[in-house]
Amino acid sequence: MAGTRSIRGLEQPTPCARACGTQGRCQASSLHLASRMERENPRPAPWRRLVRGARGSRRRGLGIALERFSRAVTEWAGTSWAFAVALAVIVAWAATGPIFRFSDTWQLVINTGTTIVTFLMVFLIQRAQNKDARAIHLKLNEIVAAMEGASNRLVNVEDLTEDEVSLLHRHYERLVALARETGALTASHSVEEAAARHALKLTPRARSDAPEKRAS
């Protein structure tokens, strides 16, 4: 038995056995890792995924509906009809004053109504301003990114801190000071320069229209 043990201990495993043993250990470790990940991050049931998808689509649909409603109200509030309606309400309220003998309830009605309308319009106007400001910033970012001589540091400059904005402001103040030293401020933007820029813009258009005229 001892000899057998020693012989077995001296026996070297074959390449096939080594491969099978390594592969078995790899498979066991991969299965252990997969089961561990499944325990830590369990997969949601299919019905849960469907409920989550329905909730997400419902939220997106509600957001789109609120966006359209707020946009329509904001656009209508800036029309002449909105001013006419508000004026008519004020006139009607003032006309009913003698009927109610200018009581506290009569005054409370207009105060409550104007407070509610003002409270709601603040959020609508702020939302419209945020969207317009973001659209303007995107257009300016596109111009800065497209121009060769413009600095890319000005892209999303509204997200910088006050100190960084002050530093950029000092940079352009220095440019203004240099322009004053070299000449008048209107020297770089004169009427002659406007005419030259207009002629420069017409030149490519004339070149593009020339082949069309030749073809016709």
N, C-alpha and C. Protein backbone atom coordinates (compact mmCIF):
# COMPACT_ATOMS: atom_id res chain seq x y z
N MET A 1 0.82 -1.20 0.00
CA MET A 1 0.00 0.00 0.00
C MET A 1 0.85 1.24 0.00
N ALA A 2 1.96 1.18 0.81
CA ALA A 2 2.85 2.33 0.85
C ALA A 2 3.50 2.54 -0.48
N GLY A 3 3.89 1.36 -1.11
CA GLY A 3 4.49 1.50 -2.43
C GLY A 3 3.51 2.03 -3.44
N THR A 4 2.31 1.57 -3.28
CA THR A 4 1.30 2.05 -4.21
C THR A 4 1.06 3.54 -4.04
N ARG A 5 1.05 3.98 -2.77
CA ARG A 5 0.85 5.40 -2.54
C ARG A 5 2.00 6.22 -3.10
N SER A 6 3.21 5.67 -2.89
CA SER A 6 4.36 6.42 -3.40
C SER A 6 4.36 6.46 -4.90
N ILE A 7 3.98 5.33 -5.49
CA ILE A 7 3.94 5.31 -6.95
C ILE A 7 2.87 6.27 -7.45
N ARG A 8 1.70 6.23 -6.78
CA ARG A 8 0.65 7.13 -7.20
C ARG A 8 1.04 8.59 -6.98
N GLY A 9 1.77 8.85 -5.89
CA GLY A 9 2.21 10.20 -5.65
C GLY A 9 3.21 10.66 -6.67
N LEU A 10 4.02 9.73 -7.21
CA LEU A 10 5.02 10.10 -8.21
C LEU A 10 4.45 10.18 -9.60
N GLU A 11 3.24 9.64 -9.76
CA GLU A 11 2.65 9.68 -11.09
C GLU A 11 2.32 11.11 -11.48
N GLN A 12 2.66 11.48 -12.70
CA GLN A 12 2.36 12.80 -13.25
C GLN A 12 1.04 12.76 -14.01
N PRO A 13 0.18 13.73 -13.81
CA PRO A 13 -1.09 13.71 -14.54
C PRO A 13 -0.86 13.96 -16.03
N THR A 14 -1.67 13.33 -16.82
CA THR A 14 -1.57 13.47 -18.27
C THR A 14 -2.05 14.84 -18.70
N PRO A 15 -1.67 15.31 -19.90
CA PRO A 15 -2.18 16.61 -20.39
C PRO A 15 -3.68 16.67 -20.46
N CYS A 16 -4.31 15.55 -20.82
CA CYS A 16 -5.78 15.53 -20.89
C CYS A 16 -6.39 15.75 -19.51
N ALA A 17 -5.76 15.06 -18.50
CA ALA A 17 -6.29 15.21 -17.14
C ALA A 17 -6.09 16.63 -16.64
N ARG A 18 -4.89 17.20 -16.97
CA ARG A 18 -4.67 18.58 -16.55
C ARG A 18 -5.68 19.52 -17.21
N ALA A 19 -5.95 19.34 -18.49
CA ALA A 19 -6.92 20.19 -19.18
C ALA A 19 -8.30 20.04 -18.60
N CYS A 20 -8.67 18.77 -18.33
CA CYS A 20 -10.01 18.54 -17.78
C CYS A 20 -10.13 19.15 -16.39
N GLY A 21 -9.05 18.99 -15.59
CA GLY A 21 -9.09 19.55 -14.26
C GLY A 21 -9.16 21.07 -14.28
N THR A 22 -8.37 21.70 -15.16
CA THR A 22 -8.40 23.16 -15.26
C THR A 22 -9.74 23.65 -15.76
N GLN A 23 -10.26 22.93 -16.78
CA GLN A 23 -11.55 23.32 -17.33
C GLN A 23 -12.65 23.16 -16.31
N GLY A 24 -12.56 22.08 -15.51
CA GLY A 24 -13.56 21.87 -14.48
C GLY A 24 -13.53 22.95 -13.43
N ARG A 25 -12.28 23.32 -13.02
CA ARG A 25 -12.18 24.38 -12.03
C ARG A 25 -12.70 25.70 -12.60
N CYS A 26 -12.39 26.01 -13.88
CA CYS A 26 -12.87 27.24 -14.50
C CYS A 26 -14.39 27.28 -14.59
N GLN A 27 -14.96 26.10 -14.96
CA GLN A 27 -16.41 26.05 -15.04
C GLN A 27 -17.04 26.22 -13.67
N ALA A 28 -16.42 25.60 -12.66
CA ALA A 28 -16.96 25.73 -11.31
C ALA A 28 -16.87 27.17 -10.82
N SER A 29 -15.71 27.81 -11.09
CA SER A 29 -15.57 29.20 -10.66
C SER A 29 -16.53 30.13 -11.40
N SER A 30 -16.72 29.88 -12.71
CA SER A 30 -17.66 30.71 -13.47
C SER A 30 -19.08 30.52 -12.99
N LEU A 31 -19.45 29.27 -12.67
CA LEU A 31 -20.79 29.02 -12.15
C LEU A 31 -20.97 29.68 -10.78
N HIS A 32 -19.91 29.59 -9.97
CA HIS A 32 -20.00 30.23 -8.66
C HIS A 32 -20.14 31.74 -8.78
N LEU A 33 -19.38 32.32 -9.73
CA LEU A 33 -19.47 33.77 -9.94
C LEU A 33 -20.84 34.17 -10.47
N ALA A 34 -21.39 33.36 -11.39
CA ALA A 34 -22.71 33.67 -11.94
C ALA A 34 -23.78 33.59 -10.87
N SER A 35 -23.71 32.55 -10.03
CA SER A 35 -24.71 32.44 -8.96
C SER A 35 -24.57 33.56 -7.94
N ARG A 36 -23.32 33.96 -7.71
CA ARG A 36 -23.10 35.08 -6.77
C ARG A 36 -23.66 36.39 -7.33
N MET A 37 -23.41 36.66 -8.62
CA MET A 37 -23.95 37.87 -9.24
C MET A 37 -25.47 37.84 -9.27
N GLU A 38 -26.05 36.65 -9.48
CA GLU A 38 -27.51 36.56 -9.51
C GLU A 38 -28.10 36.81 -8.14
N ARG A 39 -27.38 36.35 -7.08
CA ARG A 39 -27.88 36.63 -5.74
C ARG A 39 -27.77 38.11 -5.40
N GLU A 40 -26.65 38.74 -5.82
CA GLU A 40 -26.47 40.16 -5.51
C GLU A 40 -27.39 41.03 -6.34
N ASN A 41 -27.54 40.72 -7.63
CA ASN A 41 -28.40 41.51 -8.53
C ASN A 41 -29.46 40.59 -9.13
N PRO A 42 -30.48 40.29 -8.40
CA PRO A 42 -31.50 39.38 -8.95
C PRO A 42 -32.23 40.00 -10.13
N ARG A 43 -32.50 39.18 -11.10
CA ARG A 43 -33.23 39.64 -12.29
C ARG A 43 -34.70 39.85 -11.96
N PRO A 44 -35.24 40.95 -12.39
CA PRO A 44 -36.67 41.17 -12.12
C PRO A 44 -37.53 40.22 -12.94
N ALA A 45 -38.65 39.92 -12.41
CA ALA A 45 -39.57 39.04 -13.11
C ALA A 45 -40.08 39.72 -14.38
N PRO A 46 -40.51 38.92 -15.37
CA PRO A 46 -41.00 39.54 -16.62
C PRO A 46 -42.16 40.49 -16.39
N TRP A 47 -43.06 40.14 -15.49
CA TRP A 47 -44.21 41.03 -15.25
C TRP A 47 -43.77 42.33 -14.61
N ARG A 48 -42.65 42.28 -13.82
CA ARG A 48 -42.14 43.51 -13.23
C ARG A 48 -41.54 44.42 -14.31
N ARG A 49 -40.84 43.81 -15.26
CA ARG A 49 -40.30 44.61 -16.35
C ARG A 49 -41.41 45.25 -17.17
N LEU A 50 -42.50 44.53 -17.38
CA LEU A 50 -43.62 45.10 -18.12
C LEU A 50 -44.25 46.26 -17.35
N VAL A 51 -44.39 46.10 -16.03
CA VAL A 51 -44.97 47.17 -15.22
C VAL A 51 -44.08 48.40 -15.24
N ARG A 52 -42.75 48.18 -15.13
CA ARG A 52 -41.82 49.31 -15.16
C ARG A 52 -41.86 50.01 -16.51
N GLY A 53 -41.93 49.23 -17.60
CA GLY A 53 -42.02 49.84 -18.92
C GLY A 53 -43.29 50.65 -19.10
N ALA A 54 -44.39 50.12 -18.58
CA ALA A 54 -45.66 50.85 -18.68
C ALA A 54 -45.61 52.13 -17.86
N ARG A 55 -44.99 52.06 -16.68
CA ARG A 55 -44.87 53.28 -15.87
C ARG A 55 -43.99 54.32 -16.56
N GLY A 56 -42.86 53.85 -17.15
CA GLY A 56 -42.00 54.79 -17.83
C GLY A 56 -42.67 55.46 -19.02
N SER A 57 -43.38 54.67 -19.82
CA SER A 57 -44.09 55.25 -20.96
C SER A 57 -45.20 56.18 -20.51
N ARG A 58 -45.87 55.84 -19.37
CA ARG A 58 -46.92 56.70 -18.86
C ARG A 58 -46.35 58.03 -18.39
N ARG A 59 -45.16 57.96 -17.73
CA ARG A 59 -44.54 59.19 -17.28
C ARG A 59 -44.10 60.05 -18.45
N ARG A 60 -43.52 59.41 -19.48
CA ARG A 60 -43.12 60.18 -20.65
C ARG A 60 -44.33 60.79 -21.34
N GLY A 61 -45.43 60.04 -21.44
CA GLY A 61 -46.63 60.59 -22.05
C GLY A 61 -47.20 61.74 -21.25
N LEU A 62 -47.17 61.63 -19.92
CA LEU A 62 -47.65 62.72 -19.08
C LEU A 62 -46.76 63.95 -19.21
N GLY A 63 -45.43 63.73 -19.29
CA GLY A 63 -44.52 64.86 -19.46
C GLY A 63 -44.72 65.57 -20.79
N ILE A 64 -44.95 64.79 -21.85
CA ILE A 64 -45.19 65.40 -23.16
C ILE A 64 -46.50 66.18 -23.15
N ALA A 65 -47.53 65.63 -22.52
CA ALA A 65 -48.82 66.33 -22.45
C ALA A 65 -48.70 67.63 -21.67
N LEU A 66 -47.99 67.60 -20.54
CA LEU A 66 -47.80 68.82 -19.75
C LEU A 66 -46.96 69.84 -20.51
N GLU A 67 -45.98 69.36 -21.26
CA GLU A 67 -45.15 70.28 -22.05
C GLU A 67 -45.98 70.98 -23.12
N ARG A 68 -46.81 70.22 -23.82
CA ARG A 68 -47.65 70.82 -24.85
C ARG A 68 -48.66 71.80 -24.24
N PHE A 69 -49.24 71.43 -23.10
CA PHE A 69 -50.21 72.31 -22.46
C PHE A 69 -49.56 73.60 -22.00
N SER A 70 -48.40 73.51 -21.37
CA SER A 70 -47.72 74.71 -20.90
C SER A 70 -47.28 75.59 -22.06
N ARG A 71 -46.83 74.96 -23.15
CA ARG A 71 -46.44 75.75 -24.32
C ARG A 71 -47.64 76.49 -24.91
N ALA A 72 -48.78 75.80 -24.99
CA ALA A 72 -49.98 76.44 -25.55
C ALA A 72 -50.45 77.59 -24.66
N VAL A 73 -50.43 77.37 -23.34
CA VAL A 73 -50.87 78.44 -22.42
C VAL A 73 -49.92 79.62 -22.47
N THR A 74 -48.61 79.34 -22.56
CA THR A 74 -47.63 80.42 -22.63
C THR A 74 -47.78 81.24 -23.90
N GLU A 75 -47.99 80.55 -25.01
CA GLU A 75 -48.19 81.29 -26.27
C GLU A 75 -49.49 82.08 -26.26
N TRP A 76 -50.56 81.49 -25.69
CA TRP A 76 -51.83 82.20 -25.66
C TRP A 76 -51.79 83.40 -24.71
N ALA A 77 -51.03 83.29 -23.61
CA ALA A 77 -50.96 84.38 -22.65
C ALA A 77 -50.29 85.62 -23.22
N GLY A 78 -49.51 85.46 -24.28
CA GLY A 78 -48.87 86.61 -24.89
C GLY A 78 -49.63 87.20 -26.06
N THR A 79 -50.85 86.77 -26.28
CA THR A 79 -51.64 87.28 -27.39
C THR A 79 -52.54 88.43 -26.94
N SER A 80 -53.16 89.10 -27.90
CA SER A 80 -54.08 90.19 -27.59
C SER A 80 -55.38 89.68 -26.97
N TRP A 81 -55.77 88.46 -27.34
CA TRP A 81 -56.99 87.90 -26.78
C TRP A 81 -56.86 87.69 -25.27
N ALA A 82 -55.67 87.28 -24.82
CA ALA A 82 -55.48 87.10 -23.38
C ALA A 82 -55.61 88.42 -22.64
N PHE A 83 -55.03 89.47 -23.20
CA PHE A 83 -55.17 90.79 -22.58
C PHE A 83 -56.62 91.25 -22.59
N ALA A 84 -57.36 90.97 -23.67
CA ALA A 84 -58.77 91.35 -23.74
C ALA A 84 -59.59 90.61 -22.70
N VAL A 85 -59.30 89.31 -22.51
CA VAL A 85 -60.03 88.53 -21.49
C VAL A 85 -59.75 89.07 -20.10
N ALA A 86 -58.47 89.37 -19.81
CA ALA A 86 -58.12 89.91 -18.49
C ALA A 86 -58.79 91.26 -18.26
N LEU A 87 -58.80 92.10 -19.29
CA LEU A 87 -59.45 93.40 -19.16
C LEU A 87 -60.95 93.26 -18.95
N ALA A 88 -61.55 92.30 -19.65
CA ALA A 88 -62.99 92.08 -19.49
C ALA A 88 -63.33 91.60 -18.08
N VAL A 89 -62.48 90.75 -17.52
CA VAL A 89 -62.71 90.28 -16.15
C VAL A 89 -62.63 91.43 -15.16
N ILE A 90 -61.65 92.31 -15.34
CA ILE A 90 -61.51 93.46 -14.43
C ILE A 90 -62.71 94.40 -14.56
N VAL A 91 -63.14 94.64 -15.77
CA VAL A 91 -64.30 95.54 -15.98
C VAL A 91 -65.56 94.93 -15.36
N ALA A 92 -65.74 93.62 -15.57
CA ALA A 92 -66.93 92.97 -15.00
C ALA A 92 -66.88 92.98 -13.48
N TRP A 93 -65.71 92.77 -12.92
CA TRP A 93 -65.58 92.82 -11.45
C TRP A 93 -65.86 94.22 -10.91
N ALA A 94 -65.34 95.23 -11.59
CA ALA A 94 -65.60 96.60 -11.14
C ALA A 94 -67.07 96.98 -11.30
N ALA A 95 -67.72 96.46 -12.33
CA ALA A 95 -69.13 96.79 -12.55
C ALA A 95 -70.04 96.15 -11.50
N THR A 96 -69.63 95.01 -10.97
CA THR A 96 -70.45 94.35 -9.95
C THR A 96 -70.18 94.88 -8.55
N GLY A 97 -69.33 95.88 -8.43
CA GLY A 97 -69.04 96.44 -7.11
C GLY A 97 -70.25 97.05 -6.43
N PRO A 98 -71.00 97.92 -7.11
CA PRO A 98 -72.19 98.48 -6.45
C PRO A 98 -73.23 97.42 -6.09
N ILE A 99 -73.29 96.33 -6.87
CA ILE A 99 -74.28 95.29 -6.56
C ILE A 99 -73.96 94.63 -5.22
N PHE A 100 -72.68 94.32 -5.01
CA PHE A 100 -72.27 93.69 -3.76
C PHE A 100 -71.85 94.70 -2.70
N ARG A 101 -72.10 96.00 -2.99
CA ARG A 101 -71.82 97.08 -2.04
C ARG A 101 -70.34 97.12 -1.62
N PHE A 102 -69.49 96.75 -2.55
CA PHE A 102 -68.03 96.79 -2.34
C PHE A 102 -67.64 96.10 -1.04
N SER A 103 -68.20 94.94 -0.84
CA SER A 103 -67.96 94.19 0.40
C SER A 103 -66.57 93.53 0.38
N ASP A 104 -66.22 92.95 1.50
CA ASP A 104 -64.94 92.24 1.60
C ASP A 104 -64.94 90.99 0.73
N THR A 105 -66.06 90.33 0.62
CA THR A 105 -66.13 89.15 -0.25
C THR A 105 -65.90 89.53 -1.70
N TRP A 106 -66.45 90.65 -2.10
CA TRP A 106 -66.26 91.13 -3.47
C TRP A 106 -64.77 91.40 -3.75
N GLN A 107 -64.07 91.98 -2.81
CA GLN A 107 -62.64 92.21 -2.97
C GLN A 107 -61.85 90.91 -2.88
N LEU A 108 -62.32 89.98 -2.06
CA LEU A 108 -61.61 88.72 -1.88
C LEU A 108 -61.63 87.88 -3.16
N VAL A 109 -62.70 87.99 -3.93
CA VAL A 109 -62.81 87.22 -5.17
C VAL A 109 -61.71 87.60 -6.15
N ILE A 110 -61.52 88.89 -6.39
CA ILE A 110 -60.51 89.32 -7.35
C ILE A 110 -59.11 89.07 -6.82
N ASN A 111 -58.93 89.23 -5.52
CA ASN A 111 -57.61 88.98 -4.94
C ASN A 111 -57.22 87.51 -5.06
N THR A 112 -58.15 86.62 -4.76
CA THR A 112 -57.87 85.18 -4.87
C THR A 112 -57.62 84.77 -6.30
N GLY A 113 -58.44 85.27 -7.22
CA GLY A 113 -58.27 84.91 -8.63
C GLY A 113 -56.94 85.38 -9.20
N THR A 114 -56.58 86.63 -8.95
CA THR A 114 -55.31 87.14 -9.47
C THR A 114 -54.11 86.45 -8.82
N THR A 115 -54.23 86.09 -7.55
CA THR A 115 -53.13 85.38 -6.88
C THR A 115 -52.91 84.01 -7.50
N ILE A 116 -53.97 83.28 -7.77
CA ILE A 116 -53.84 81.95 -8.36
C ILE A 116 -53.25 82.04 -9.77
N VAL A 117 -53.76 82.99 -10.56
CA VAL A 117 -53.25 83.12 -11.93
C VAL A 117 -51.78 83.53 -11.92
N THR A 118 -51.42 84.47 -11.05
CA THR A 118 -50.03 84.90 -10.97
C THR A 118 -49.12 83.76 -10.52
N PHE A 119 -49.57 82.98 -9.55
CA PHE A 119 -48.78 81.85 -9.05
C PHE A 119 -48.49 80.83 -10.14
N LEU A 120 -49.49 80.52 -10.96
CA LEU A 120 -49.31 79.54 -12.03
C LEU A 120 -48.47 80.11 -13.18
N MET A 121 -48.70 81.39 -13.49
CA MET A 121 -47.97 81.99 -14.61
C MET A 121 -46.48 82.15 -14.32
N VAL A 122 -46.12 82.26 -13.05
CA VAL A 122 -44.69 82.35 -12.71
C VAL A 122 -43.95 81.12 -13.19
N PHE A 123 -44.51 79.94 -12.94
CA PHE A 123 -43.85 78.70 -13.34
C PHE A 123 -43.88 78.53 -14.87
N LEU A 124 -44.98 78.91 -15.50
CA LEU A 124 -45.05 78.80 -16.95
C LEU A 124 -44.04 79.72 -17.63
N ILE A 125 -43.95 80.95 -17.14
CA ILE A 125 -42.99 81.89 -17.74
C ILE A 125 -41.56 81.45 -17.49
N GLN A 126 -41.29 80.93 -16.28
CA GLN A 126 -39.94 80.47 -15.99
C GLN A 126 -39.56 79.28 -16.86
N ARG A 127 -40.51 78.39 -17.11
CA ARG A 127 -40.22 77.24 -17.97
C ARG A 127 -39.94 77.69 -19.39
N ALA A 128 -40.74 78.63 -19.89
CA ALA A 128 -40.52 79.13 -21.25
C ALA A 128 -39.18 79.84 -21.36
N GLN A 129 -38.80 80.61 -20.35
CA GLN A 129 -37.51 81.28 -20.37
C GLN A 129 -36.35 80.30 -20.31
N ASN A 130 -36.50 79.24 -19.53
CA ASN A 130 -35.43 78.23 -19.47
C ASN A 130 -35.22 77.56 -20.82
N LYS A 131 -36.33 77.25 -21.49
CA LYS A 131 -36.21 76.61 -22.80
C LYS A 131 -35.60 77.55 -23.83
N ASP A 132 -36.04 78.81 -23.83
CA ASP A 132 -35.49 79.77 -24.77
C ASP A 132 -34.01 80.04 -24.51
N ALA A 133 -33.66 80.15 -23.23
CA ALA A 133 -32.25 80.38 -22.89
C ALA A 133 -31.38 79.20 -23.29
N ARG A 134 -31.88 77.98 -23.11
CA ARG A 134 -31.10 76.81 -23.51
C ARG A 134 -30.94 76.74 -25.02
N ALA A 135 -32.00 77.09 -25.75
CA ALA A 135 -31.91 77.09 -27.21
C ALA A 135 -30.91 78.13 -27.70
N ILE A 136 -30.93 79.32 -27.08
CA ILE A 136 -29.98 80.36 -27.47
C ILE A 136 -28.55 79.93 -27.16
N HIS A 137 -28.34 79.31 -26.00
CA HIS A 137 -27.00 78.84 -25.65
C HIS A 137 -26.51 77.77 -26.62
N LEU A 138 -27.41 76.89 -27.05
CA LEU A 138 -27.01 75.86 -28.01
C LEU A 138 -26.61 76.49 -29.35
N LYS A 139 -27.34 77.49 -29.78
CA LYS A 139 -26.99 78.16 -31.04
C LYS A 139 -25.65 78.88 -30.92
N LEU A 140 -25.42 79.53 -29.78
CA LEU A 140 -24.14 80.20 -29.59
C LEU A 140 -23.00 79.19 -29.50
N ASN A 141 -23.26 78.06 -28.83
CA ASN A 141 -22.22 77.01 -28.77
C ASN A 141 -21.88 76.48 -30.15
N GLU A 142 -22.90 76.34 -31.01
CA GLU A 142 -22.66 75.89 -32.38
C GLU A 142 -21.81 76.89 -33.14
N ILE A 143 -22.08 78.18 -32.95
CA ILE A 143 -21.29 79.21 -33.63
C ILE A 143 -19.85 79.20 -33.14
N VAL A 144 -19.67 79.11 -31.82
CA VAL A 144 -18.32 79.09 -31.26
C VAL A 144 -17.55 77.86 -31.72
N ALA A 145 -18.22 76.71 -31.73
CA ALA A 145 -17.55 75.48 -32.14
C ALA A 145 -17.23 75.46 -33.63
N ALA A 146 -18.03 76.17 -34.44
CA ALA A 146 -17.81 76.15 -35.89
C ALA A 146 -16.74 77.15 -36.32
N MET A 147 -16.59 78.24 -35.59
CA MET A 147 -15.61 79.26 -35.98
C MET A 147 -14.21 78.79 -35.61
N GLU A 148 -13.29 79.04 -36.53
CA GLU A 148 -11.92 78.55 -36.34
C GLU A 148 -11.18 79.35 -35.28
N GLY A 149 -11.36 80.66 -35.26
CA GLY A 149 -10.62 81.49 -34.32
C GLY A 149 -11.24 81.61 -32.95
N ALA A 150 -12.46 81.11 -32.78
CA ALA A 150 -13.13 81.23 -31.49
C ALA A 150 -12.59 80.21 -30.50
N SER A 151 -12.57 80.59 -29.23
CA SER A 151 -12.07 79.70 -28.19
C SER A 151 -13.17 78.75 -27.73
N ASN A 152 -12.84 77.47 -27.64
CA ASN A 152 -13.81 76.48 -27.18
C ASN A 152 -14.10 76.59 -25.69
N ARG A 153 -13.35 77.44 -24.99
CA ARG A 153 -13.64 77.64 -23.57
C ARG A 153 -14.98 78.34 -23.37
N LEU A 154 -15.46 79.01 -24.40
CA LEU A 154 -16.73 79.72 -24.29
C LEU A 154 -17.93 78.80 -24.51
N VAL A 155 -17.70 77.55 -24.87
CA VAL A 155 -18.80 76.61 -25.02
C VAL A 155 -19.31 76.26 -23.62
N ASN A 156 -20.62 76.37 -23.43
CA ASN A 156 -21.25 76.14 -22.13
C ASN A 156 -20.65 77.04 -21.06
N VAL A 157 -20.41 78.29 -21.42
CA VAL A 157 -19.83 79.23 -20.45
C VAL A 157 -20.80 79.52 -19.32
N GLU A 158 -22.09 79.27 -19.53
CA GLU A 158 -23.06 79.52 -18.46
C GLU A 158 -22.92 78.54 -17.31
N ASP A 159 -22.21 77.42 -17.53
CA ASP A 159 -22.01 76.44 -16.47
C ASP A 159 -20.76 76.71 -15.63
N LEU A 160 -19.99 77.73 -15.99
CA LEU A 160 -18.78 78.04 -15.24
C LEU A 160 -19.13 78.74 -13.93
N THR A 161 -18.15 78.77 -13.05
CA THR A 161 -18.34 79.47 -11.78
C THR A 161 -18.19 80.98 -11.97
N GLU A 162 -18.52 81.73 -10.94
CA GLU A 162 -18.43 83.18 -11.03
C GLU A 162 -16.98 83.65 -11.19
N ASP A 163 -16.06 82.95 -10.53
CA ASP A 163 -14.65 83.33 -10.66
C ASP A 163 -14.15 83.09 -12.08
N GLU A 164 -14.55 81.97 -12.69
CA GLU A 164 -14.12 81.69 -14.06
C GLU A 164 -14.74 82.69 -15.05
N VAL A 165 -16.00 83.04 -14.83
CA VAL A 165 -16.64 84.03 -15.69
C VAL A 165 -15.96 85.39 -15.54
N SER A 166 -15.60 85.74 -14.31
CA SER A 166 -14.89 87.02 -14.08
C SER A 166 -13.53 87.02 -14.76
N LEU A 167 -12.86 85.86 -14.78
CA LEU A 167 -11.57 85.77 -15.45
C LEU A 167 -11.72 85.98 -16.95
N LEU A 168 -12.74 85.37 -17.55
CA LEU A 168 -12.99 85.58 -18.98
C LEU A 168 -13.39 87.03 -19.25
N HIS A 169 -14.13 87.62 -18.33
CA HIS A 169 -14.53 89.02 -18.51
C HIS A 169 -13.31 89.93 -18.49
N ARG A 170 -12.37 89.65 -17.62
CA ARG A 170 -11.13 90.45 -17.60
C ARG A 170 -10.34 90.27 -18.89
N HIS A 171 -10.40 89.08 -19.47
CA HIS A 171 -9.72 88.84 -20.75
C HIS A 171 -10.27 89.76 -21.84
N TYR A 172 -11.60 89.85 -21.92
CA TYR A 172 -12.19 90.69 -22.96
C TYR A 172 -12.07 92.17 -22.62
N GLU A 173 -12.00 92.50 -21.35
CA GLU A 173 -11.70 93.88 -20.99
C GLU A 173 -10.32 94.27 -21.47
N ARG A 174 -9.40 93.34 -21.39
CA ARG A 174 -8.05 93.60 -21.89
C ARG A 174 -8.06 93.79 -23.40
N LEU A 175 -8.88 93.04 -24.11
CA LEU A 175 -9.00 93.22 -25.56
C LEU A 175 -9.55 94.60 -25.89
N VAL A 176 -10.53 95.07 -25.11
CA VAL A 176 -11.08 96.41 -25.34
C VAL A 176 -10.02 97.46 -25.08
N ALA A 177 -9.22 97.28 -24.04
CA ALA A 177 -8.15 98.24 -23.74
C ALA A 177 -7.13 98.28 -24.87
N LEU A 178 -6.79 97.12 -25.43
CA LEU A 178 -5.85 97.09 -26.56
C LEU A 178 -6.45 97.78 -27.78
N ALA A 179 -7.76 97.62 -28.00
CA ALA A 179 -8.40 98.27 -29.13
C ALA A 179 -8.40 99.79 -28.96
N ARG A 180 -8.54 100.25 -27.72
CA ARG A 180 -8.49 101.70 -27.49
C ARG A 180 -7.10 102.26 -27.73
N GLU A 181 -6.10 101.45 -27.39
CA GLU A 181 -4.74 101.93 -27.59
C GLU A 181 -4.37 102.00 -29.06
N THR A 182 -4.87 101.09 -29.87
CA THR A 182 -4.53 101.08 -31.29
C THR A 182 -5.34 102.07 -32.10
N GLY A 183 -6.54 102.43 -31.63
CA GLY A 183 -7.36 103.36 -32.39
C GLY A 183 -8.73 103.49 -31.77
N ALA A 184 -9.63 104.13 -32.49
CA ALA A 184 -10.98 104.32 -32.00
C ALA A 184 -11.74 103.01 -31.99
N LEU A 185 -12.75 102.93 -31.12
CA LEU A 185 -13.54 101.70 -31.03
C LEU A 185 -14.35 101.45 -32.28
N THR A 186 -14.71 102.52 -33.01
CA THR A 186 -15.51 102.36 -34.22
C THR A 186 -14.66 102.05 -35.44
N ALA A 187 -13.34 102.00 -35.26
CA ALA A 187 -12.49 101.75 -36.42
C ALA A 187 -12.62 100.33 -36.92
N SER A 188 -12.89 99.38 -36.01
CA SER A 188 -13.02 97.98 -36.41
C SER A 188 -14.39 97.63 -36.93
N HIS A 189 -15.36 98.52 -36.73
CA HIS A 189 -16.72 98.29 -37.21
C HIS A 189 -17.23 99.56 -37.86
N SER A 190 -16.72 99.84 -39.00
CA SER A 190 -17.10 101.04 -39.73
C SER A 190 -18.10 100.70 -40.81
N VAL A 191 -18.63 101.74 -41.45
CA VAL A 191 -19.56 101.55 -42.55
C VAL A 191 -18.87 100.88 -43.73
N GLU A 192 -17.61 101.23 -43.97
CA GLU A 192 -16.87 100.63 -45.09
C GLU A 192 -16.69 99.13 -44.85
N GLU A 193 -16.45 98.77 -43.59
CA GLU A 193 -16.29 97.34 -43.31
C GLU A 193 -17.60 96.59 -43.54
N ALA A 194 -18.72 97.20 -43.21
CA ALA A 194 -20.01 96.56 -43.45
C ALA A 194 -20.24 96.34 -44.94
N ALA A 195 -19.88 97.33 -45.75
CA ALA A 195 -20.02 97.16 -47.20
C ALA A 195 -19.10 96.07 -47.71
N ALA A 196 -17.87 96.01 -47.16
CA ALA A 196 -16.93 94.97 -47.60
C ALA A 196 -17.43 93.58 -47.23
N ARG A 197 -17.99 93.44 -46.03
CA ARG A 197 -18.52 92.13 -45.62
C ARG A 197 -19.71 91.74 -46.49
N HIS A 198 -20.53 92.71 -46.82
CA HIS A 198 -21.69 92.41 -47.68
C HIS A 198 -21.23 91.95 -49.06
N ALA A 199 -20.22 92.60 -49.60
CA ALA A 199 -19.69 92.19 -50.90
C ALA A 199 -19.04 90.81 -50.82
N LEU A 200 -18.39 90.53 -49.67
CA LEU A 200 -17.75 89.22 -49.50
C LEU A 200 -18.78 88.11 -49.43
N LYS A 201 -19.94 88.39 -48.82
CA LYS A 201 -20.99 87.37 -48.77
C LYS A 201 -21.66 87.18 -50.12
N LEU A 202 -21.71 88.23 -50.92
CA LEU A 202 -22.33 88.12 -52.24
C LEU A 202 -21.44 87.39 -53.23
N THR A 203 -20.14 87.39 -52.98
CA THR A 203 -19.20 86.76 -53.93
C THR A 203 -19.44 85.26 -54.07
N PRO A 204 -19.49 84.47 -52.98
CA PRO A 204 -19.79 83.03 -53.16
C PRO A 204 -21.14 82.77 -53.79
N ARG A 205 -22.13 83.63 -53.48
CA ARG A 205 -23.45 83.43 -54.07
C ARG A 205 -23.42 83.68 -55.57
N ALA A 206 -22.66 84.69 -55.98
CA ALA A 206 -22.55 84.96 -57.41
C ALA A 206 -21.82 83.83 -58.12
N ARG A 207 -20.82 83.25 -57.42
CA ARG A 207 -20.11 82.12 -58.03
C ARG A 207 -21.00 80.90 -58.18
N SER A 208 -21.85 80.68 -57.19
CA SER A 208 -22.75 79.52 -57.26
C SER A 208 -23.85 79.75 -58.30
N ASP A 209 -24.24 81.00 -58.52
CA ASP A 209 -25.29 81.27 -59.51
C ASP A 209 -24.76 81.27 -60.93
N ALA A 210 -23.44 81.41 -61.08
CA ALA A 210 -22.87 81.44 -62.43
C ALA A 210 -23.08 80.15 -63.19
N PRO A 211 -22.79 78.95 -62.60
CA PRO A 211 -23.04 77.71 -63.36
C PRO A 211 -24.50 77.51 -63.74
N GLU A 212 -25.42 77.97 -62.86
CA GLU A 212 -26.84 77.83 -63.17
C GLU A 212 -27.22 78.67 -64.38
N LYS A 213 -26.65 79.90 -64.43
CA LYS A 213 -26.94 80.76 -65.58
C LYS A 213 -26.36 80.17 -66.86
N ARG A 214 -25.18 79.57 -66.74
CA ARG A 214 -24.57 78.95 -67.94
C ARG A 214 -25.40 77.76 -68.40
N ALA A 215 -25.90 76.99 -67.46
CA ALA A 215 -26.69 75.82 -67.84
C ALA A 215 -28.00 76.23 -68.49
N SER A 216 -28.58 77.34 -68.02
CA SER A 216 -29.83 77.79 -68.60
C SER A 216 -29.60 78.44 -69.96
